[in-house]
Amino acid sequence: MQGYNQRLIEEMKNRQAQERARLPKIQRSEAKTRMAMFKKSLRITGTGTPEQDREKIKQ
């Protein structure tokens, strides 16, 4: 029984380590998607000159 529990703990640790390694990549891709959606929404609203739009994106 103790060996079984130890195996489960090791498996959980491995899974957690893999997830931790994948997390930055997932976060980067989600951030890119959000930024693209934000830029698209700015284009749809069309609030002025391209210079003003660039300023909004920088903020």
Protein backbone atom coordinates (compact mmCIF):
# COMPACT_ATOMS: atom_id res chain seq x y z
CA MET A 1 0.00 0.00 0.00
CA GLN A 2 2.79 2.40 0.86
CA GLY A 3 4.51 1.64 -2.44
CA TYR A 4 1.29 2.42 -4.29
CA ASN A 5 0.94 5.75 -2.50
CA GLN A 6 4.58 6.58 -3.21
CA ARG A 7 4.04 5.83 -6.91
CA LEU A 8 0.99 8.10 -6.98
CA ILE A 9 2.93 10.90 -5.33
CA GLU A 10 5.78 10.55 -7.83
CA GLU A 11 3.32 10.56 -10.71
CA MET A 12 1.66 13.71 -9.40
CA LYS A 13 5.05 15.41 -8.98
CA ASN A 14 6.00 14.54 -12.56
CA ARG A 15 2.70 15.83 -13.89
CA GLN A 16 3.05 19.05 -11.92
CA ALA A 17 6.60 19.59 -13.22
CA GLN A 18 5.44 19.11 -16.80
CA GLU A 19 2.58 21.57 -16.30
CA ARG A 20 4.93 24.12 -14.74
CA ALA A 21 7.23 23.84 -17.76
CA ARG A 22 4.34 24.32 -20.22
CA LEU A 23 2.77 27.26 -18.39
CA PRO A 24 4.97 30.11 -19.75
CA LYS A 25 4.37 28.97 -23.33
CA ILE A 26 0.61 28.83 -22.76
CA GLN A 27 0.61 32.26 -21.12
CA ARG A 28 2.59 33.79 -24.02
CA SER A 29 0.21 32.41 -26.62
CA GLU A 30 -2.83 33.62 -24.65
CA ALA A 31 -1.27 37.08 -24.29
CA LYS A 32 -0.66 37.24 -28.04
CA THR A 33 -4.26 36.26 -28.69
CA ARG A 34 -5.58 38.91 -26.28
CA MET A 35 -3.37 41.59 -27.85
CA ALA A 36 -4.57 40.66 -31.33
CA MET A 37 -8.19 40.85 -30.19
CA PHE A 38 -7.54 44.23 -28.56
CA LYS A 39 -5.93 45.64 -31.71
CA LYS A 40 -8.81 44.34 -33.79
CA SER A 41 -11.33 46.01 -31.48
CA LEU A 42 -9.43 49.29 -31.83
CA ARG A 43 -9.64 49.01 -35.60
CA ILE A 44 -13.37 48.31 -35.43
CA THR A 45 -14.08 51.37 -33.29
CA GLY A 46 -11.89 53.59 -35.50
CA THR A 47 -11.33 56.34 -32.94
CA GLY A 48 -9.07 58.56 -34.98
CA THR A 49 -5.69 58.73 -36.58
CA PRO A 50 -3.30 55.79 -36.69
CA GLU A 51 -0.99 57.76 -34.38
CA GLN A 52 -3.67 57.91 -31.70
CA ASP A 53 -4.30 54.19 -32.10
CA ARG A 54 -0.59 53.47 -31.59
CA GLU A 55 -0.64 55.50 -28.40
CA LYS A 56 -3.58 53.47 -27.09
CA ILE A 57 -1.78 50.23 -27.84
CA LYS A 58 1.32 51.42 -25.96
CA GLN A 59 -0.75 52.14 -22.86
